[in-house]
Amino acid sequence: MPTGIYIGVAVGGGGGSSEGAEPRPSSGFKFNMETSNVSSGSSGATSFKLPLGSMGTYNFDIDWGDGSSDTITVYNQSEATHVYASSGAYLVEITGTCEYFSFGNGGDKLKILDVENWGGTNLTINARYAFWGCANLTSSATDSPTVSGDIGFMFKQCPALVSGLSGWDMSNVTSLISFLSYATTFNEDISGWNISGVTTFSNFLRRVSSFSTANYDALLIGWSAQTVQTSVTFTCNTQYTSGGTAEAARTTLTSSPQNWSITDAGAA
């Protein structure tokens, strides 16, 4: 289940570990994690294993958050698994080239916590399953990664994810199938996304009852004003406001020439 992630902009660090490094700017992919959140198939309670793969291309520096850093150039390099002196929470930052980074509902999926920085143009996600099953994942980041192509199932089964995606540039995305399915607390205004290239939202918000009518109304109004793909499938479990701008926007999307197929909870 390949997911491509490119994380760029060099941050200090070198091969092996280094102590007492100068503070570095938050330019890379920066996230908190808890080593003790072990699960079947994960690393041990004092370790964190990067979700890399043989199909990836790597040349990045990683600050492990304990005063040490490494340069990773091969997916199965021993340094891709870091052992800490003690279990606990650490702030990790990756900068450089990291193509393919996918938990794919396995590995240390429960250890990743809050994403503080997506990395802007330094983080590119261009395939499926990146954070699938990361049940403790949240996002306090205010920036955006670069996303393109089919990025379906990205946050499937991420029930702690409430927000942190509203500023994403989706203009080069083609598929958001099951993008937030079973992300059962998600509730953010994403009406500002540019979804002009998206051909499917099938199961987009499946089993997500937390998504409010206000945010769904805004989504319908914002997206119907765009030039969108035709015959798109969209799925959510939320009601829209009857008899107003939102219902008119929904009708615009479901009528010719757009001809969207929308499955939702009906009019409120």
C-alpha atoms as a PDB file:
ATOM      1  CA  MET A   1       0.000   0.000   0.000  1.00  0.00           C
ATOM      2  CA  PRO A   2       2.446   2.653  -1.167  1.00  0.00           C
ATOM      3  CA  THR A   3       2.250   6.139   0.172  1.00  0.00           C
ATOM      4  CA  GLY A   4       4.796   8.659  -1.011  1.00  0.00           C
ATOM      5  CA  ILE A   5       5.935  11.385   1.312  1.00  0.00           C
ATOM      6  CA  TYR A   6       8.699  13.801   0.481  1.00  0.00           C
ATOM      7  CA  ILE A   7      10.005  15.927   3.310  1.00  0.00           C
ATOM      8  CA  GLY A   8      12.523  18.599   2.407  1.00  0.00           C
ATOM      9  CA  VAL A   9      14.575  21.614   3.520  1.00  0.00           C
ATOM     10  CA  ALA A  10      17.750  20.670   5.284  1.00  0.00           C
ATOM     11  CA  VAL A  11      18.013  20.866   9.028  1.00  0.00           C
ATOM     12  CA  GLY A  12      21.342  20.253  10.725  1.00  0.00           C
ATOM     13  CA  GLY A  13      22.352  16.812  11.837  1.00  0.00           C
ATOM     14  CA  GLY A  14      24.622  14.290  10.289  1.00  0.00           C
ATOM     15  CA  GLY A  15      25.318  10.625  10.165  1.00  0.00           C
ATOM     16  CA  GLY A  16      25.011   9.061  13.581  1.00  0.00           C
ATOM     17  CA  SER A  17      23.996  11.007  16.648  1.00  0.00           C
ATOM     18  CA  SER A  18      24.958  14.438  17.861  1.00  0.00           C
ATOM     19  CA  GLU A  19      24.605  16.057  21.262  1.00  0.00           C
ATOM     20  CA  GLY A  20      23.913  19.668  22.187  1.00  0.00           C
ATOM     21  CA  ALA A  21      22.802  20.786  18.714  1.00  0.00           C
ATOM     22  CA  GLU A  22      21.699  24.368  18.109  1.00  0.00           C
ATOM     23  CA  PRO A  23      17.894  24.876  18.150  1.00  0.00           C
ATOM     24  CA  ARG A  24      16.530  24.367  14.639  1.00  0.00           C
ATOM     25  CA  PRO A  25      13.620  26.084  12.890  1.00  0.00           C
ATOM     26  CA  SER A  26      10.344  24.211  12.501  1.00  0.00           C
ATOM     27  CA  SER A  27      10.686  23.669   8.773  1.00  0.00           C
ATOM     28  CA  GLY A  28      10.330  19.916   8.526  1.00  0.00           C
ATOM     29  CA  PHE A  29       7.723  17.312   9.408  1.00  0.00           C
ATOM     30  CA  LYS A  30       7.437  17.728  13.170  1.00  0.00           C
ATOM     31  CA  PHE A  31       5.374  15.458  15.396  1.00  0.00           C
ATOM     32  CA  ASN A  32       5.005  14.297  18.980  1.00  0.00           C
ATOM     33  CA  MET A  33       5.012  10.625  19.834  1.00  0.00           C
ATOM     34  CA  GLU A  34       4.723   8.370  22.876  1.00  0.00           C
ATOM     35  CA  THR A  35       6.962   5.300  22.903  1.00  0.00           C
ATOM     36  CA  SER A  36       4.871   3.408  25.459  1.00  0.00           C
ATOM     37  CA  ASN A  37       1.827   3.182  23.148  1.00  0.00           C
ATOM     38  CA  VAL A  38       2.713  -0.312  22.001  1.00  0.00           C
ATOM     39  CA  SER A  39       0.458  -2.534  19.934  1.00  0.00           C
ATOM     40  CA  SER A  40       0.658  -5.728  17.922  1.00  0.00           C
ATOM     41  CA  GLY A  41       3.476  -5.357  15.414  1.00  0.00           C
ATOM     42  CA  SER A  42       4.930  -2.204  16.978  1.00  0.00           C
ATOM     43  CA  SER A  43       8.419  -1.570  18.289  1.00  0.00           C
ATOM     44  CA  GLY A  44       9.151  -1.835  22.012  1.00  0.00           C
ATOM     45  CA  ALA A  45       8.063   0.512  24.781  1.00  0.00           C
ATOM     46  CA  THR A  46      11.270   2.580  24.633  1.00  0.00           C
ATOM     47  CA  SER A  47      11.559   2.667  20.836  1.00  0.00           C
ATOM     48  CA  PHE A  48      10.118   4.326  17.756  1.00  0.00           C
ATOM     49  CA  LYS A  49      10.355   2.837  14.272  1.00  0.00           C
ATOM     50  CA  LEU A  50       9.914   5.046  11.228  1.00  0.00           C
ATOM     51  CA  PRO A  51       7.354   3.616   8.766  1.00  0.00           C
ATOM     52  CA  LEU A  52       9.685   3.403   5.778  1.00  0.00           C
ATOM     53  CA  GLY A  53       9.629   0.925   2.877  1.00  0.00           C
ATOM     54  CA  SER A  54      11.783  -0.648   0.194  1.00  0.00           C
ATOM     55  CA  MET A  55      10.071   1.375  -2.539  1.00  0.00           C
ATOM     56  CA  GLY A  56      11.083   4.655  -0.916  1.00  0.00           C
ATOM     57  CA  THR A  57      13.908   7.108  -1.562  1.00  0.00           C
ATOM     58  CA  TYR A  58      15.607   8.510   1.533  1.00  0.00           C
ATOM     59  CA  ASN A  59      18.146  11.139   2.446  1.00  0.00           C
ATOM     60  CA  PHE A  60      16.896  12.956   5.516  1.00  0.00           C
ATOM     61  CA  ASP A  61      18.010  14.104   8.933  1.00  0.00           C
ATOM     62  CA  ILE A  62      15.956  13.194  11.963  1.00  0.00           C
ATOM     63  CA  ASP A  63      16.025  14.910  15.337  1.00  0.00           C
ATOM     64  CA  TRP A  64      14.767  12.263  17.755  1.00  0.00           C
ATOM     65  CA  GLY A  65      13.922  14.751  20.517  1.00  0.00           C
ATOM     66  CA  ASP A  66      16.369  13.351  23.065  1.00  0.00           C
ATOM     67  CA  GLY A  67      19.448  15.291  21.978  1.00  0.00           C
ATOM     68  CA  SER A  68      20.422  12.842  19.251  1.00  0.00           C
ATOM     69  CA  SER A  69      20.020  12.832  15.487  1.00  0.00           C
ATOM     70  CA  ASP A  70      20.690  10.565  12.519  1.00  0.00           C
ATOM     71  CA  THR A  71      20.842  10.721   8.746  1.00  0.00           C
ATOM     72  CA  ILE A  72      18.717   8.071   7.049  1.00  0.00           C
ATOM     73  CA  THR A  73      19.466   7.036   3.461  1.00  0.00           C
ATOM     74  CA  VAL A  74      18.068   3.465   3.303  1.00  0.00           C
ATOM     75  CA  TYR A  75      14.654   2.195   4.445  1.00  0.00           C
ATOM     76  CA  ASN A  76      16.076  -0.701   6.481  1.00  0.00           C
ATOM     77  CA  GLN A  77      18.962   1.212   7.999  1.00  0.00           C
ATOM     78  CA  SER A  78      19.347   0.258  11.650  1.00  0.00           C
ATOM     79  CA  GLU A  79      18.987   3.919  12.708  1.00  0.00           C
ATOM     80  CA  ALA A  80      15.418   3.958  11.353  1.00  0.00           C
ATOM     81  CA  THR A  81      14.491   2.444  14.717  1.00  0.00           C
ATOM     82  CA  HIS A  82      15.535   4.611  17.635  1.00  0.00           C
ATOM     83  CA  VAL A  83      15.880   3.322  21.190  1.00  0.00           C
ATOM     84  CA  TYR A  84      15.433   5.913  23.950  1.00  0.00           C
ATOM     85  CA  ALA A  85      16.953   5.801  27.417  1.00  0.00           C
ATOM     86  CA  SER A  86      13.442   5.670  28.858  1.00  0.00           C
ATOM     87  CA  SER A  87       9.886   5.402  27.632  1.00  0.00           C
ATOM     88  CA  GLY A  88       7.855   8.583  27.262  1.00  0.00           C
ATOM     89  CA  ALA A  89       6.822  11.426  24.983  1.00  0.00           C
ATOM     90  CA  TYR A  90       9.287  12.913  22.484  1.00  0.00           C
ATOM     91  CA  LEU A  91       9.149  15.583  19.778  1.00  0.00           C
ATOM     92  CA  VAL A  92      10.548  14.295  16.466  1.00  0.00           C
ATOM     93  CA  GLU A  93      11.452  16.309  13.376  1.00  0.00           C
ATOM     94  CA  ILE A  94      12.340  15.017   9.918  1.00  0.00           C
ATOM     95  CA  THR A  95      13.923  17.173   7.222  1.00  0.00           C
ATOM     96  CA  GLY A  96      15.361  16.146   3.888  1.00  0.00           C
ATOM     97  CA  THR A  97      14.125  13.658   1.284  1.00  0.00           C
ATOM     98  CA  CYS A  98      11.720  11.038   2.585  1.00  0.00           C
ATOM     99  CA  GLU A  99       9.662   9.412  -0.155  1.00  0.00           C
ATOM    100  CA  TYR A 100       7.323   6.749   1.198  1.00  0.00           C
ATOM    101  CA  PHE A 101       6.229   7.122   4.805  1.00  0.00           C
ATOM    102  CA  SER A 102       3.231   4.966   5.607  1.00  0.00           C
ATOM    103  CA  PHE A 103       1.885   3.467   8.804  1.00  0.00           C
ATOM    104  CA  GLY A 104      -0.756   1.662   6.748  1.00  0.00           C
ATOM    105  CA  ASN A 105      -2.632   0.496   9.869  1.00  0.00           C
ATOM    106  CA  GLY A 106       0.456  -1.178  11.293  1.00  0.00           C
ATOM    107  CA  GLY A 107       3.827  -0.651  12.955  1.00  0.00           C
ATOM    108  CA  ASP A 108       3.985   2.223  15.450  1.00  0.00           C
ATOM    109  CA  LYS A 109       0.619   3.632  14.384  1.00  0.00           C
ATOM    110  CA  LEU A 110      -0.491   4.261  17.988  1.00  0.00           C
ATOM    111  CA  LYS A 111       2.690   6.087  18.963  1.00  0.00           C
ATOM    112  CA  ILE A 112       2.314   9.160  16.744  1.00  0.00           C
ATOM    113  CA  LEU A 113       0.405  11.931  18.543  1.00  0.00           C
ATOM    114  CA  ASP A 114       0.134  15.620  17.614  1.00  0.00           C
ATOM    115  CA  VAL A 115       1.563  16.934  14.351  1.00  0.00           C
ATOM    116  CA  GLU A 116       2.964  20.400  15.041  1.00  0.00           C
ATOM    117  CA  ASN A 117       4.244  21.096  11.528  1.00  0.00           C
ATOM    118  CA  TRP A 118       3.399  19.444   8.213  1.00  0.00           C
ATOM    119  CA  GLY A 119       6.411  21.018   6.545  1.00  0.00           C
ATOM    120  CA  GLY A 120       4.785  23.101   3.793  1.00  0.00           C
ATOM    121  CA  THR A 121       6.358  22.361   0.421  1.00  0.00           C
ATOM    122  CA  ASN A 122       8.794  20.077   2.201  1.00  0.00           C
ATOM    123  CA  LEU A 123       6.222  17.331   2.742  1.00  0.00           C
ATOM    124  CA  THR A 124       4.533  15.720  -0.240  1.00  0.00           C
ATOM    125  CA  ILE A 125       1.938  12.965   0.108  1.00  0.00           C
ATOM    126  CA  ASN A 126       0.929  11.433  -3.202  1.00  0.00           C
ATOM    127  CA  ALA A 127      -0.514   7.988  -2.459  1.00  0.00           C
ATOM    128  CA  ARG A 128      -2.848   6.161  -0.098  1.00  0.00           C
ATOM    129  CA  TYR A 129      -2.815   5.009   3.548  1.00  0.00           C
ATOM    130  CA  ALA A 130      -0.293   7.423   5.097  1.00  0.00           C
ATOM    131  CA  PHE A 131      -1.828   7.675   8.587  1.00  0.00           C
ATOM    132  CA  TRP A 132      -4.434   4.931   8.444  1.00  0.00           C
ATOM    133  CA  GLY A 133      -5.010   3.510  11.905  1.00  0.00           C
ATOM    134  CA  CYS A 134      -3.133   6.237  13.788  1.00  0.00           C
ATOM    135  CA  ALA A 135      -5.766   6.313  16.504  1.00  0.00           C
ATOM    136  CA  ASN A 136      -4.020   8.920  18.676  1.00  0.00           C
ATOM    137  CA  LEU A 137      -3.157  11.319  15.857  1.00  0.00           C
ATOM    138  CA  THR A 138      -4.120  14.989  16.200  1.00  0.00           C
ATOM    139  CA  SER A 139      -2.934  18.098  14.385  1.00  0.00           C
ATOM    140  CA  SER A 140      -2.184  21.507  15.864  1.00  0.00           C
ATOM    141  CA  ALA A 141      -0.267  22.476  12.706  1.00  0.00           C
ATOM    142  CA  THR A 142      -1.333  25.621  10.901  1.00  0.00           C
ATOM    143  CA  ASP A 143       0.673  24.963   7.743  1.00  0.00           C
ATOM    144  CA  SER A 144      -0.013  22.511   4.931  1.00  0.00           C
ATOM    145  CA  PRO A 145       1.861  19.718   3.234  1.00  0.00           C
ATOM    146  CA  THR A 146       1.911  19.337  -0.545  1.00  0.00           C
ATOM    147  CA  VAL A 147      -0.602  16.703  -1.581  1.00  0.00           C
ATOM    148  CA  SER A 148      -1.356  15.287  -5.013  1.00  0.00           C
ATOM    149  CA  GLY A 149      -2.922  12.353  -6.818  1.00  0.00           C
ATOM    150  CA  ASP A 150      -4.857   9.624  -5.012  1.00  0.00           C
ATOM    151  CA  ILE A 151      -4.460  10.198  -1.269  1.00  0.00           C
ATOM    152  CA  GLY A 152      -7.397   8.056  -0.191  1.00  0.00           C
ATOM    153  CA  PHE A 153      -7.633   6.405   3.231  1.00  0.00           C
ATOM    154  CA  MET A 154      -5.123   8.893   4.636  1.00  0.00           C
ATOM    155  CA  PHE A 155      -6.852   9.454   7.978  1.00  0.00           C
ATOM    156  CA  LYS A 156      -9.056   6.371   8.055  1.00  0.00           C
ATOM    157  CA  GLN A 157      -9.598   5.211  11.646  1.00  0.00           C
ATOM    158  CA  CYS A 158      -8.039   8.305  13.189  1.00  0.00           C
ATOM    159  CA  PRO A 159     -10.725   8.961  15.849  1.00  0.00           C
ATOM    160  CA  ALA A 160      -8.724  11.624  17.736  1.00  0.00           C
ATOM    161  CA  LEU A 161      -8.360  13.886  14.696  1.00  0.00           C
ATOM    162  CA  VAL A 162     -10.744  16.823  15.151  1.00  0.00           C
ATOM    163  CA  SER A 163      -9.173  19.485  12.937  1.00  0.00           C
ATOM    164  CA  GLY A 164      -5.916  20.798  11.504  1.00  0.00           C
ATOM    165  CA  LEU A 165      -6.637  20.266   7.796  1.00  0.00           C
ATOM    166  CA  SER A 166      -8.588  23.387   6.780  1.00  0.00           C
ATOM    167  CA  GLY A 167      -5.613  25.122   5.177  1.00  0.00           C
ATOM    168  CA  TRP A 168      -4.586  22.229   2.956  1.00  0.00           C
ATOM    169  CA  ASP A 169      -4.161  22.876  -0.776  1.00  0.00           C
ATOM    170  CA  MET A 170      -6.064  20.073  -2.512  1.00  0.00           C
ATOM    171  CA  SER A 171      -5.851  21.537  -6.012  1.00  0.00           C
ATOM    172  CA  ASN A 172      -3.676  18.671  -7.324  1.00  0.00           C
ATOM    173  CA  VAL A 173      -5.581  15.851  -5.625  1.00  0.00           C
ATOM    174  CA  THR A 174      -7.633  13.404  -7.705  1.00  0.00           C
ATOM    175  CA  SER A 175      -9.107  10.997  -5.120  1.00  0.00           C
ATOM    176  CA  LEU A 176     -10.204  11.389  -1.510  1.00  0.00           C
ATOM    177  CA  ILE A 177     -11.859   7.997  -1.152  1.00  0.00           C
ATOM    178  CA  SER A 178     -12.339   7.105   2.532  1.00  0.00           C
ATOM    179  CA  PHE A 179     -10.070  10.043   3.378  1.00  0.00           C
ATOM    180  CA  LEU A 180     -11.644  10.606   6.815  1.00  0.00           C
ATOM    181  CA  SER A 181     -13.740   7.483   7.224  1.00  0.00           C
ATOM    182  CA  TYR A 182     -14.054   6.461  10.874  1.00  0.00           C
ATOM    183  CA  ALA A 183     -12.309   9.681  11.946  1.00  0.00           C
ATOM    184  CA  THR A 184     -15.196   9.879  14.363  1.00  0.00           C
ATOM    185  CA  THR A 185     -14.514  13.258  16.011  1.00  0.00           C
ATOM    186  CA  PHE A 186     -13.547  15.256  12.927  1.00  0.00           C
ATOM    187  CA  ASN A 187     -15.429  18.563  12.691  1.00  0.00           C
ATOM    188  CA  GLU A 188     -13.714  21.357  10.796  1.00  0.00           C
ATOM    189  CA  ASP A 189     -14.706  23.835   8.113  1.00  0.00           C
ATOM    190  CA  ILE A 190     -12.996  22.539   4.958  1.00  0.00           C
ATOM    191  CA  SER A 191     -15.068  24.629   2.556  1.00  0.00           C
ATOM    192  CA  GLY A 192     -11.934  26.472   1.455  1.00  0.00           C
ATOM    193  CA  TRP A 193     -10.345  23.407  -0.137  1.00  0.00           C
ATOM    194  CA  ASN A 194      -9.791  23.624  -3.883  1.00  0.00           C
ATOM    195  CA  ILE A 195     -11.339  20.321  -4.970  1.00  0.00           C
ATOM    196  CA  SER A 196     -11.414  21.074  -8.699  1.00  0.00           C
ATOM    197  CA  GLY A 197      -9.490  17.918  -9.632  1.00  0.00           C
ATOM    198  CA  VAL A 198     -11.138  15.425  -7.274  1.00  0.00           C
ATOM    199  CA  THR A 199     -13.066  12.642  -9.028  1.00  0.00           C
ATOM    200  CA  THR A 200     -14.332  10.779  -5.956  1.00  0.00           C
ATOM    201  CA  PHE A 201     -15.226  11.399  -2.323  1.00  0.00           C
ATOM    202  CA  SER A 202     -16.693   7.936  -1.895  1.00  0.00           C
ATOM    203  CA  ASN A 203     -16.914   7.091   1.842  1.00  0.00           C
ATOM    204  CA  PHE A 204     -15.168  10.407   2.479  1.00  0.00           C
ATOM    205  CA  LEU A 205     -16.717  10.947   5.939  1.00  0.00           C
ATOM    206  CA  ARG A 206     -18.144   7.481   6.483  1.00  0.00           C
ATOM    207  CA  ARG A 207     -19.251   6.841  10.078  1.00  0.00           C
ATOM    208  CA  VAL A 208     -18.353  10.414  11.076  1.00  0.00           C
ATOM    209  CA  SER A 209     -21.378  11.774  12.929  1.00  0.00           C
ATOM    210  CA  SER A 210     -19.409  14.618  14.525  1.00  0.00           C
ATOM    211  CA  PHE A 211     -19.277  16.689  11.324  1.00  0.00           C
ATOM    212  CA  SER A 212     -21.698  19.546  11.987  1.00  0.00           C
ATOM    213  CA  THR A 213     -24.513  20.847   9.808  1.00  0.00           C
ATOM    214  CA  ALA A 214     -22.837  24.272   9.833  1.00  0.00           C
ATOM    215  CA  ASN A 215     -19.620  22.818   8.436  1.00  0.00           C
ATOM    216  CA  TYR A 216     -21.497  20.687   5.897  1.00  0.00           C
ATOM    217  CA  ASP A 217     -23.495  23.727   4.757  1.00  0.00           C
ATOM    218  CA  ALA A 218     -20.264  25.675   4.316  1.00  0.00           C
ATOM    219  CA  LEU A 219     -18.721  22.768   2.371  1.00  0.00           C
ATOM    220  CA  LEU A 220     -21.654  22.583  -0.042  1.00  0.00           C
ATOM    221  CA  ILE A 221     -21.682  26.339  -0.597  1.00  0.00           C
ATOM    222  CA  GLY A 222     -17.927  26.629  -1.015  1.00  0.00           C
ATOM    223  CA  TRP A 223     -17.482  23.634  -3.281  1.00  0.00           C
ATOM    224  CA  SER A 224     -20.505  24.326  -5.495  1.00  0.00           C
ATOM    225  CA  ALA A 225     -18.968  27.698  -6.381  1.00  0.00           C
ATOM    226  CA  GLN A 226     -15.936  25.954  -7.905  1.00  0.00           C
ATOM    227  CA  THR A 227     -15.446  24.379 -11.306  1.00  0.00           C
ATOM    228  CA  VAL A 228     -15.580  20.719 -10.261  1.00  0.00           C
ATOM    229  CA  GLN A 229     -15.309  17.305 -11.857  1.00  0.00           C
ATOM    230  CA  THR A 230     -18.531  15.694 -13.093  1.00  0.00           C
ATOM    231  CA  SER A 231     -20.247  12.535 -11.845  1.00  0.00           C
ATOM    232  CA  VAL A 232     -18.405  12.652  -8.512  1.00  0.00           C
ATOM    233  CA  THR A 233     -19.523  10.409  -5.632  1.00  0.00           C
ATOM    234  CA  PHE A 234     -19.647  12.053  -2.193  1.00  0.00           C
ATOM    235  CA  THR A 235     -20.501  10.404   1.133  1.00  0.00           C
ATOM    236  CA  CYS A 236     -21.082  11.839   4.611  1.00  0.00           C
ATOM    237  CA  ASN A 237     -23.444  11.259   7.543  1.00  0.00           C
ATOM    238  CA  THR A 238     -24.471  14.888   8.132  1.00  0.00           C
ATOM    239  CA  GLN A 239     -27.651  16.844   7.448  1.00  0.00           C
ATOM    240  CA  TYR A 240     -27.722  20.078   5.478  1.00  0.00           C
ATOM    241  CA  THR A 241     -29.973  23.073   6.218  1.00  0.00           C
ATOM    242  CA  SER A 242     -33.233  22.870   4.312  1.00  0.00           C
ATOM    243  CA  GLY A 243     -34.608  25.662   2.158  1.00  0.00           C
ATOM    244  CA  GLY A 244     -31.577  27.936   2.018  1.00  0.00           C
ATOM    245  CA  THR A 245     -28.225  28.518   0.355  1.00  0.00           C
ATOM    246  CA  ALA A 246     -26.825  25.137   1.355  1.00  0.00           C
ATOM    247  CA  GLU A 247     -29.691  23.196  -0.195  1.00  0.00           C
ATOM    248  CA  ALA A 248     -29.394  25.290  -3.357  1.00  0.00           C
ATOM    249  CA  ALA A 249     -25.652  24.554  -3.456  1.00  0.00           C
ATOM    250  CA  ARG A 250     -26.319  20.835  -3.050  1.00  0.00           C
ATOM    251  CA  THR A 251     -28.798  20.988  -5.923  1.00  0.00           C
ATOM    252  CA  THR A 252     -26.185  22.718  -8.068  1.00  0.00           C
ATOM    253  CA  LEU A 253     -23.760  19.853  -7.460  1.00  0.00           C
ATOM    254  CA  THR A 254     -26.291  17.080  -8.080  1.00  0.00           C
ATOM    255  CA  SER A 255     -27.786  18.659 -11.195  1.00  0.00           C
ATOM    256  CA  SER A 256     -26.452  18.777 -14.746  1.00  0.00           C
ATOM    257  CA  PRO A 257     -23.736  19.343 -15.753  1.00  0.00           C
ATOM    258  CA  GLN A 258     -22.049  18.396 -12.453  1.00  0.00           C
ATOM    259  CA  ASN A 259     -24.271  15.358 -11.787  1.00  0.00           C
ATOM    260  CA  TRP A 260     -22.731  14.509  -8.418  1.00  0.00           C
ATOM    261  CA  SER A 261     -24.103  11.539  -6.484  1.00  0.00           C
ATOM    262  CA  ILE A 262     -24.368  12.711  -2.873  1.00  0.00           C
ATOM    263  CA  THR A 263     -25.244  10.392  -0.009  1.00  0.00           C
ATOM    264  CA  ASP A 264     -25.827  12.283   3.258  1.00  0.00           C
ATOM    265  CA  ALA A 265     -28.313  12.418   6.148  1.00  0.00           C
ATOM    266  CA  GLY A 266     -30.796  14.603   4.278  1.00  0.00           C
ATOM    267  CA  ALA A 267     -32.285  17.974   5.132  1.00  0.00           C
ATOM    268  CA  ALA A 268     -32.324  19.299   8.692  1.00  0.00           C
END
